[in-house]
Amino acid sequence: METRAPFIVVGAFVLAAIVAVFGFVYWLNNTGGIGKRETYQVVFNGPVPGLLVGAPVLFNGIRVGEVTSLEFVPDRPRDVHATIAVLEHTPVRADTKVGLDFQGLTGVPVVALEGGERIDAPRVQGPLIAEKGAGQSMTQAARDALRKVDTVLSENSATLHDAIGNIGTFADGLARNTPRLDNIIAGLDRTMGGGGAPARKTTFDLSPASRFDAPVRPFKGTLSIAEPTAITALQTQRFLFAGGGDKDFADAQWSDALPQLVQAKLLQSFENYDIAHPPFRPDAAPEGSSRLLLDLRQFEIVTTPQPHAVIALSAKLLDASGHLRAARVFQQEAPIETLAPAPAAKAFNAAFDALARELIPWTAAHEAEASR
């Protein structure tokens, strides 16, 4: 009895080991990832650098099998046939794309399967044809690209030589004209509002006429004064010079564009003449008003023979029906003591005052005649 006991223990251990081995095999086939496999043949039309038996097979990035064999095709030297085994339910269909992917820093090759878009695509029949150039690694692609670039450069060497020469000529021209280019860029920068803050300009204004010679004839009706018409050159805030230029007046300007400035100061001057019957702007004038139409002809500095300010405008007085009552050209000048912005503004004020003291009584007299 004692002699038979070790044999029973050994037999039990051997039986347990056999059961464990069979259990492990069963686990591998059903749970451990081997399971039932389906095999497919993949045809690579070109080299497959680094691909080995046992390399992973990925479907949409998920490992589903491995490469089981690699072989050459005697009658097609460029082709390589690879046999892959994948899990039974892997959806390998007729529109499945096959390629070779290189993973990691070392570029380990794997067979990459990519599912197609068709849900109703049939199961694949026959070999899977890999995409053209699927086995081309990044290094090979770089070599091919460099080879093509070298070919293009070789075929166009003369043209490139001429182009480089032209670039050199253009660069020399830029170097010679750098100061001019700097001025142009600075001008564009100022125009677009860039760069540093522009220098603040000194603003000058006109003073309305306030003293009139007796007798002062009050207006009988209502009058509207339109903004004077003017050529484009006069529609500015700059001090203008006869013949062009601005001398030393670049940092000086009027408080408004000249036509608007003249209109505003004439309205104030008419109010100073007869505050009980002030004139209106056209958009606020009541019906039946007379209209004073003005055309600004000059508002500039004349430097010869002596500097003086010149203001000239034409006036047309229309009745409520639009008939012309009277028309006249008014012009006044005033000397400029020193050719500088402040003395010039003083001279323009004197000329405007004289012109307004002449224009307003003339308008009042014709209005009075019409009311008789």
Protein backbone atom coordinates (compact mmCIF):
# COMPACT_ATOMS: atom_id res chain seq x y z
CA MET A 1 0.00 0.00 0.00
CA GLU A 2 2.80 2.32 0.90
CA THR A 3 4.71 1.30 -2.28
CA ARG A 4 1.81 2.21 -4.61
CA ALA A 5 1.17 5.70 -3.18
CA PRO A 6 3.99 7.56 -5.13
CA PHE A 7 2.76 6.08 -8.42
CA ILE A 8 -0.71 7.42 -7.77
CA VAL A 9 0.71 10.92 -7.05
CA VAL A 10 2.90 10.88 -10.19
CA GLY A 11 0.02 9.68 -12.33
CA ALA A 12 -2.25 12.38 -11.01
CA PHE A 13 0.39 15.04 -11.70
CA VAL A 14 0.91 13.82 -15.29
CA LEU A 15 -2.83 13.77 -15.91
CA ALA A 16 -3.18 17.32 -14.52
CA ALA A 17 -0.35 18.52 -16.77
CA ILE A 18 -2.00 16.98 -19.84
CA VAL A 19 -5.31 18.64 -18.96
CA ALA A 20 -3.53 21.98 -18.47
CA VAL A 21 -1.83 21.72 -21.86
CA PHE A 22 -5.10 20.94 -23.60
CA GLY A 23 -6.78 23.80 -21.72
CA PHE A 24 -4.03 26.23 -22.76
CA VAL A 25 -4.36 25.18 -26.40
CA TYR A 26 -8.12 25.57 -26.20
CA TRP A 27 -7.69 29.05 -24.71
CA LEU A 28 -5.29 30.07 -27.42
CA ASN A 29 -7.68 28.95 -30.13
CA ASN A 30 -10.81 30.47 -28.69
CA THR A 31 -9.91 33.22 -26.23
CA GLY A 32 -6.22 34.01 -26.41
CA GLY A 33 -6.23 35.70 -29.81
CA ILE A 34 -5.36 32.91 -32.24
CA GLY A 35 -8.86 31.65 -32.98
CA LYS A 36 -9.93 30.51 -36.41
CA ARG A 37 -8.06 32.14 -39.24
CA GLU A 38 -8.66 32.87 -42.89
CA THR A 39 -5.77 33.09 -45.28
CA TYR A 40 -5.40 35.48 -48.20
CA GLN A 41 -2.69 35.97 -50.76
CA VAL A 42 -1.43 39.52 -51.25
CA VAL A 43 0.35 40.51 -54.44
CA PHE A 44 2.92 43.32 -54.15
CA ASN A 45 3.98 44.75 -57.52
CA GLY A 46 7.38 45.87 -56.31
CA PRO A 47 9.85 45.39 -53.45
CA VAL A 48 8.71 44.98 -49.85
CA PRO A 49 11.80 46.16 -47.91
CA GLY A 50 12.05 44.70 -44.41
CA LEU A 51 8.82 42.69 -44.50
CA LEU A 52 9.29 39.40 -42.59
CA VAL A 53 7.29 36.29 -41.90
CA GLY A 54 5.40 36.93 -38.67
CA ALA A 55 5.02 40.67 -39.37
CA PRO A 56 1.70 42.05 -38.08
CA VAL A 57 -1.34 42.51 -40.28
CA LEU A 58 -3.49 45.53 -39.36
CA PHE A 59 -7.07 46.19 -40.42
CA ASN A 60 -7.96 49.88 -40.01
CA GLY A 61 -5.07 50.09 -37.53
CA ILE A 62 -6.13 47.09 -35.43
CA ARG A 63 -3.98 43.96 -35.42
CA VAL A 64 -5.94 41.03 -36.89
CA GLY A 65 -3.23 38.60 -37.96
CA GLU A 66 0.26 38.14 -39.30
CA VAL A 67 2.23 37.28 -42.39
CA THR A 68 2.67 33.50 -42.70
CA SER A 69 4.81 33.25 -45.83
CA LEU A 70 6.69 35.27 -48.45
CA GLU A 71 7.68 34.06 -51.90
CA PHE A 72 8.88 35.22 -55.29
CA VAL A 73 7.06 34.76 -58.60
CA PRO A 74 9.45 33.16 -61.13
CA ASP A 75 7.78 34.56 -64.26
CA ARG A 76 7.23 38.04 -62.73
CA PRO A 77 10.50 39.17 -61.13
CA ARG A 78 9.03 42.39 -59.72
CA ASP A 79 6.15 40.71 -57.88
CA VAL A 80 6.21 39.42 -54.32
CA HIS A 81 3.46 37.17 -53.00
CA ALA A 82 2.67 37.27 -49.29
CA THR A 83 0.29 34.96 -47.50
CA ILE A 84 -1.50 36.48 -44.52
CA ALA A 85 -3.68 34.83 -41.89
CA VAL A 86 -6.32 37.02 -40.27
CA LEU A 87 -9.14 36.47 -37.82
CA GLU A 88 -12.15 34.74 -39.29
CA HIS A 89 -14.58 37.67 -39.07
CA THR A 90 -12.23 40.32 -40.43
CA PRO A 91 -14.30 42.16 -43.13
CA VAL A 92 -11.88 41.64 -46.02
CA ARG A 93 -13.94 42.49 -49.11
CA ALA A 94 -13.43 43.19 -52.78
CA ASP A 95 -12.90 46.93 -52.18
CA THR A 96 -10.42 46.48 -49.32
CA LYS A 97 -7.21 48.42 -49.93
CA VAL A 98 -3.87 46.78 -49.24
CA GLY A 99 -0.61 48.55 -48.55
CA LEU A 100 2.61 48.41 -46.60
CA ASP A 101 2.97 50.72 -43.62
CA PHE A 102 6.16 51.59 -41.76
CA GLN A 103 5.68 52.08 -38.04
CA GLY A 104 7.80 53.65 -35.33
CA LEU A 105 11.14 55.42 -35.57
CA THR A 106 12.80 52.28 -36.92
CA GLY A 107 10.24 51.94 -39.73
CA VAL A 108 9.13 48.35 -38.98
CA PRO A 109 6.95 47.25 -41.95
CA VAL A 110 3.47 45.83 -41.45
CA VAL A 111 0.75 44.82 -43.92
CA ALA A 112 -2.02 47.42 -43.67
CA LEU A 113 -5.57 46.64 -44.75
CA GLU A 114 -8.10 49.45 -45.09
CA GLY A 115 -11.81 48.79 -45.31
CA GLY A 116 -13.75 50.10 -48.30
CA GLU A 117 -16.77 52.38 -48.22
CA ARG A 118 -19.27 49.96 -49.75
CA ILE A 119 -21.31 48.07 -47.17
CA ASP A 120 -22.61 45.58 -49.72
CA ALA A 121 -19.20 44.80 -51.24
CA PRO A 122 -18.76 41.02 -51.73
CA ARG A 123 -16.16 38.95 -49.96
CA VAL A 124 -12.85 38.97 -51.76
CA GLN A 125 -12.30 36.22 -54.30
CA GLY A 126 -8.75 35.51 -55.33
CA PRO A 127 -5.61 37.41 -54.34
CA LEU A 128 -5.53 40.91 -52.89
CA ILE A 129 -3.63 43.33 -55.13
CA ALA A 130 -1.60 45.86 -53.18
CA GLU A 131 -1.63 49.51 -54.26
CA LYS A 132 1.10 50.57 -56.63
CA GLY A 133 4.17 51.72 -54.73
CA ALA A 134 2.84 50.27 -51.47
CA GLY A 135 6.26 48.91 -50.55
CA GLN A 136 8.02 52.22 -51.03
CA SER A 137 9.48 53.49 -47.78
CA MET A 138 9.94 57.13 -46.87
CA THR A 139 13.64 56.85 -47.68
CA GLN A 140 12.90 55.47 -51.13
CA ALA A 141 10.26 58.14 -51.74
CA ALA A 142 12.78 60.83 -50.77
CA ARG A 143 15.38 59.34 -53.11
CA ASP A 144 12.88 59.27 -55.99
CA ALA A 145 11.83 62.84 -55.33
CA LEU A 146 15.44 64.03 -55.22
CA ARG A 147 16.15 62.11 -58.41
CA LYS A 148 13.27 63.90 -60.15
CA VAL A 149 14.42 67.28 -58.81
CA ASP A 150 17.94 66.58 -60.06
CA THR A 151 16.54 65.72 -63.50
CA VAL A 152 14.54 68.96 -63.63
CA LEU A 153 17.56 71.00 -62.57
CA SER A 154 19.77 69.32 -65.13
CA GLU A 155 17.32 69.91 -67.98
CA ASN A 156 16.80 73.58 -67.04
CA SER A 157 20.32 74.52 -65.92
CA ALA A 158 20.70 77.27 -68.55
CA THR A 159 17.35 78.85 -67.66
CA LEU A 160 18.13 78.72 -63.95
CA HIS A 161 21.53 80.29 -64.58
CA ASP A 162 19.88 83.19 -66.42
CA ALA A 163 17.25 83.56 -63.67
CA ILE A 164 19.94 83.74 -60.98
CA GLY A 165 21.76 86.35 -63.03
CA ASN A 166 18.56 88.40 -63.31
CA ILE A 167 18.04 88.15 -59.55
CA GLY A 168 21.55 89.48 -59.06
CA THR A 169 20.85 92.40 -61.39
CA PHE A 170 17.58 93.12 -59.60
CA ALA A 171 19.34 93.02 -56.21
CA ASP A 172 21.97 95.49 -57.48
CA GLY A 173 19.19 97.81 -58.63
CA LEU A 174 17.50 97.58 -55.24
CA ALA A 175 20.77 98.39 -53.50
CA ARG A 176 21.32 101.48 -55.66
CA ASN A 177 17.76 102.74 -55.06
CA THR A 178 17.42 101.89 -51.38
CA PRO A 179 16.93 105.54 -50.28
CA ARG A 180 14.14 106.04 -52.84
CA LEU A 181 12.45 102.81 -51.81
CA ASP A 182 12.61 103.88 -48.17
CA ASN A 183 10.89 107.16 -49.06
CA ILE A 184 8.21 105.35 -51.08
CA ILE A 185 7.51 102.89 -48.27
CA ALA A 186 7.41 105.68 -45.71
CA GLY A 187 4.93 107.57 -47.91
CA LEU A 188 2.72 104.49 -48.25
CA ASP A 189 2.93 103.93 -44.52
CA ARG A 190 1.75 107.47 -43.86
CA THR A 191 -1.02 107.14 -46.44
CA MET A 192 -2.33 103.92 -44.85
CA GLY A 193 -2.19 105.41 -41.38
CA GLY A 194 0.76 103.32 -40.18
CA GLY A 195 4.06 104.28 -38.66
CA GLY A 196 4.47 106.76 -35.88
CA ALA A 197 1.94 109.38 -34.95
CA PRO A 198 1.79 112.14 -37.60
CA ALA A 199 2.95 115.60 -36.65
CA ARG A 200 0.11 117.70 -35.30
CA LYS A 201 -0.87 120.48 -37.68
CA THR A 202 -1.67 124.03 -36.67
CA THR A 203 -5.29 124.83 -37.52
CA PHE A 204 -6.45 128.29 -38.57
CA ASP A 205 -9.97 129.66 -38.86
CA LEU A 206 -11.74 132.52 -40.65
CA SER A 207 -13.50 135.23 -38.68
CA PRO A 208 -16.99 136.29 -39.82
CA ALA A 209 -17.56 139.91 -40.74
CA SER A 210 -19.15 141.87 -37.91
CA ARG A 211 -18.89 145.61 -38.75
CA PHE A 212 -20.90 146.99 -41.66
CA ASP A 213 -21.15 150.52 -43.06
CA ALA A 214 -24.43 152.38 -42.55
CA PRO A 215 -27.14 152.30 -43.60
CA VAL A 216 -27.96 148.69 -42.78
CA ARG A 217 -30.95 147.50 -44.80
CA PRO A 218 -32.79 144.60 -43.13
CA PHE A 219 -33.86 141.65 -45.23
CA LYS A 220 -37.56 141.55 -46.10
CA GLY A 221 -37.84 137.84 -46.90
CA THR A 222 -35.97 134.62 -46.20
CA LEU A 223 -32.72 133.67 -47.88
CA SER A 224 -30.81 130.39 -48.24
CA ILE A 225 -27.09 130.20 -48.90
CA ALA A 226 -25.84 127.02 -50.58
CA GLU A 227 -22.37 125.56 -50.15
CA PRO A 228 -20.13 127.18 -52.77
CA THR A 229 -19.20 125.07 -55.76
CA ALA A 230 -15.47 124.76 -56.42
CA ILE A 231 -12.95 122.86 -58.47
CA THR A 232 -11.27 119.85 -56.85
CA ALA A 233 -8.10 121.79 -56.03
CA LEU A 234 -10.10 124.14 -53.78
CA GLN A 235 -11.84 121.32 -51.89
CA THR A 236 -9.06 121.05 -49.33
CA GLN A 237 -7.94 122.28 -45.92
CA ARG A 238 -4.44 123.13 -47.12
CA PHE A 239 -3.09 126.61 -47.73
CA LEU A 240 -2.98 126.92 -51.51
CA PHE A 241 -0.39 128.78 -53.55
CA ALA A 242 -0.89 130.15 -57.03
CA GLY A 243 1.21 127.94 -59.28
CA GLY A 244 1.30 125.03 -56.79
CA GLY A 245 3.57 124.08 -53.89
CA ASP A 246 3.04 124.76 -50.22
CA LYS A 247 6.31 126.47 -49.28
CA ASP A 248 6.63 126.16 -45.49
CA PHE A 249 2.89 125.54 -44.89
CA ALA A 250 2.93 121.71 -44.70
CA ASP A 251 2.08 121.76 -40.97
CA ALA A 252 -0.74 124.31 -41.31
CA GLN A 253 -4.36 123.81 -42.32
CA TRP A 254 -7.78 125.46 -42.28
CA SER A 255 -10.42 124.30 -39.81
CA ASP A 256 -12.59 122.89 -42.63
CA ALA A 257 -12.51 122.33 -46.36
CA LEU A 258 -12.57 125.73 -48.10
CA PRO A 259 -16.13 125.59 -49.60
CA GLN A 260 -17.68 124.51 -46.29
CA LEU A 261 -15.58 127.05 -44.39
CA VAL A 262 -16.66 129.92 -46.65
CA GLN A 263 -20.33 128.90 -46.40
CA ALA A 264 -20.25 128.71 -42.59
CA LYS A 265 -18.55 132.07 -42.16
CA LEU A 266 -20.87 133.79 -44.65
CA LEU A 267 -23.89 132.46 -42.76
CA GLN A 268 -22.45 133.94 -39.54
CA SER A 269 -21.66 137.21 -41.32
CA PHE A 270 -25.25 137.51 -42.63
CA GLU A 271 -26.49 136.90 -39.06
CA ASN A 272 -24.20 139.66 -37.80
CA TYR A 273 -25.68 141.97 -40.44
CA ASP A 274 -29.35 141.26 -39.63
CA ILE A 275 -29.88 138.84 -36.76
CA ALA A 276 -33.65 139.27 -37.06
CA HIS A 277 -33.66 137.72 -40.54
CA PRO A 278 -30.87 135.13 -40.53
CA PRO A 279 -30.20 133.12 -43.70
CA PHE A 280 -30.73 129.35 -43.89
CA ARG A 281 -28.93 126.39 -45.30
CA PRO A 282 -30.81 124.96 -48.30
CA ASP A 283 -32.06 121.86 -46.44
CA ALA A 284 -33.63 124.02 -43.69
CA ALA A 285 -34.94 126.95 -45.76
CA PRO A 286 -38.71 127.49 -45.81
CA GLU A 287 -40.66 127.51 -49.07
CA GLY A 288 -40.60 130.76 -51.02
CA SER A 289 -37.03 131.63 -49.96
CA SER A 290 -34.62 133.43 -52.22
CA ARG A 291 -31.38 131.60 -52.98
CA LEU A 292 -27.81 132.86 -53.06
CA LEU A 293 -25.65 130.58 -55.24
CA LEU A 294 -21.88 130.91 -54.86
CA ASP A 295 -18.92 129.62 -56.83
CA LEU A 296 -15.54 129.77 -55.08
CA ARG A 297 -12.95 130.74 -57.69
CA GLN A 298 -9.84 131.65 -55.70
CA PHE A 299 -8.63 131.13 -52.16
CA GLU A 300 -4.86 131.19 -52.49
CA ILE A 301 -1.60 132.91 -51.80
CA VAL A 302 0.05 134.80 -54.64
CA THR A 303 3.75 135.37 -54.07
CA THR A 304 4.52 137.90 -56.82
CA PRO A 305 5.26 140.72 -56.88
CA GLN A 306 4.63 140.74 -53.11
CA PRO A 307 2.95 137.94 -51.11
CA HIS A 308 -0.78 138.56 -50.76
CA ALA A 309 -3.96 136.55 -50.07
CA VAL A 310 -6.66 136.43 -52.76
CA ILE A 311 -10.31 135.39 -52.33
CA ALA A 312 -12.67 135.46 -55.30
CA LEU A 313 -16.19 134.13 -55.78
CA SER A 314 -19.15 134.67 -58.05
CA ALA A 315 -22.63 135.24 -56.61
CA LYS A 316 -26.02 134.66 -58.24
CA LEU A 317 -29.19 135.77 -56.48
CA LEU A 318 -32.33 133.82 -57.48
CA ASP A 319 -35.90 134.50 -56.46
CA ALA A 320 -38.29 131.85 -55.12
CA SER A 321 -39.22 130.89 -58.69
CA GLY A 322 -35.62 130.37 -59.70
CA HIS A 323 -35.34 133.51 -61.83
CA LEU A 324 -32.03 135.36 -61.74
CA ARG A 325 -32.25 138.69 -59.96
CA ALA A 326 -28.61 139.72 -59.94
CA ALA A 327 -25.12 138.34 -60.46
CA ARG A 328 -21.66 139.62 -59.68
CA VAL A 329 -18.05 138.53 -59.13
CA PHE A 330 -16.46 139.58 -55.84
CA GLN A 331 -12.71 139.60 -55.27
CA GLN A 332 -10.60 140.92 -52.40
CA GLU A 333 -6.88 140.87 -51.67
CA ALA A 334 -4.79 141.55 -48.56
CA PRO A 335 -1.00 141.76 -48.18
CA ILE A 336 0.92 139.15 -46.20
CA GLU A 337 3.56 140.68 -43.95
CA THR A 338 5.71 137.54 -43.71
CA LEU A 339 5.31 134.36 -45.77
CA ALA A 340 4.30 132.14 -42.85
CA PRO A 341 1.03 130.45 -41.81
CA ALA A 342 -0.04 132.90 -39.11
CA PRO A 343 0.49 136.11 -41.15
CA ALA A 344 -1.15 134.40 -44.15
CA ALA A 345 -4.23 133.49 -42.08
CA LYS A 346 -4.42 137.08 -40.88
CA ALA A 347 -4.35 138.30 -44.49
CA PHE A 348 -7.11 135.86 -45.52
CA ASN A 349 -9.26 137.11 -42.63
CA ALA A 350 -8.83 140.67 -43.84
CA ALA A 351 -9.70 139.74 -47.42
CA PHE A 352 -12.74 137.71 -46.33
CA ASP A 353 -13.97 140.53 -44.09
CA ALA A 354 -13.81 143.01 -46.98
CA LEU A 355 -15.52 140.57 -49.35
CA ALA A 356 -18.36 139.81 -46.91
CA ARG A 357 -18.94 143.53 -46.16
CA GLU A 358 -19.33 144.02 -49.90
CA LEU A 359 -21.39 140.91 -50.71
CA ILE A 360 -23.98 141.22 -47.92
CA PRO A 361 -25.14 144.81 -48.54
CA TRP A 362 -25.28 144.01 -52.27
CA THR A 363 -27.59 141.05 -51.53
CA ALA A 364 -29.73 143.11 -49.13
CA ALA A 365 -30.14 145.90 -51.69
CA HIS A 366 -31.38 143.53 -54.38
CA GLU A 367 -33.71 141.83 -51.93
CA ALA A 368 -35.15 145.20 -50.97
CA GLU A 369 -35.73 146.11 -54.64
CA ALA A 370 -37.55 142.84 -55.23
CA SER A 371 -39.88 143.41 -52.29
CA ARG A 372 -41.09 146.76 -53.59
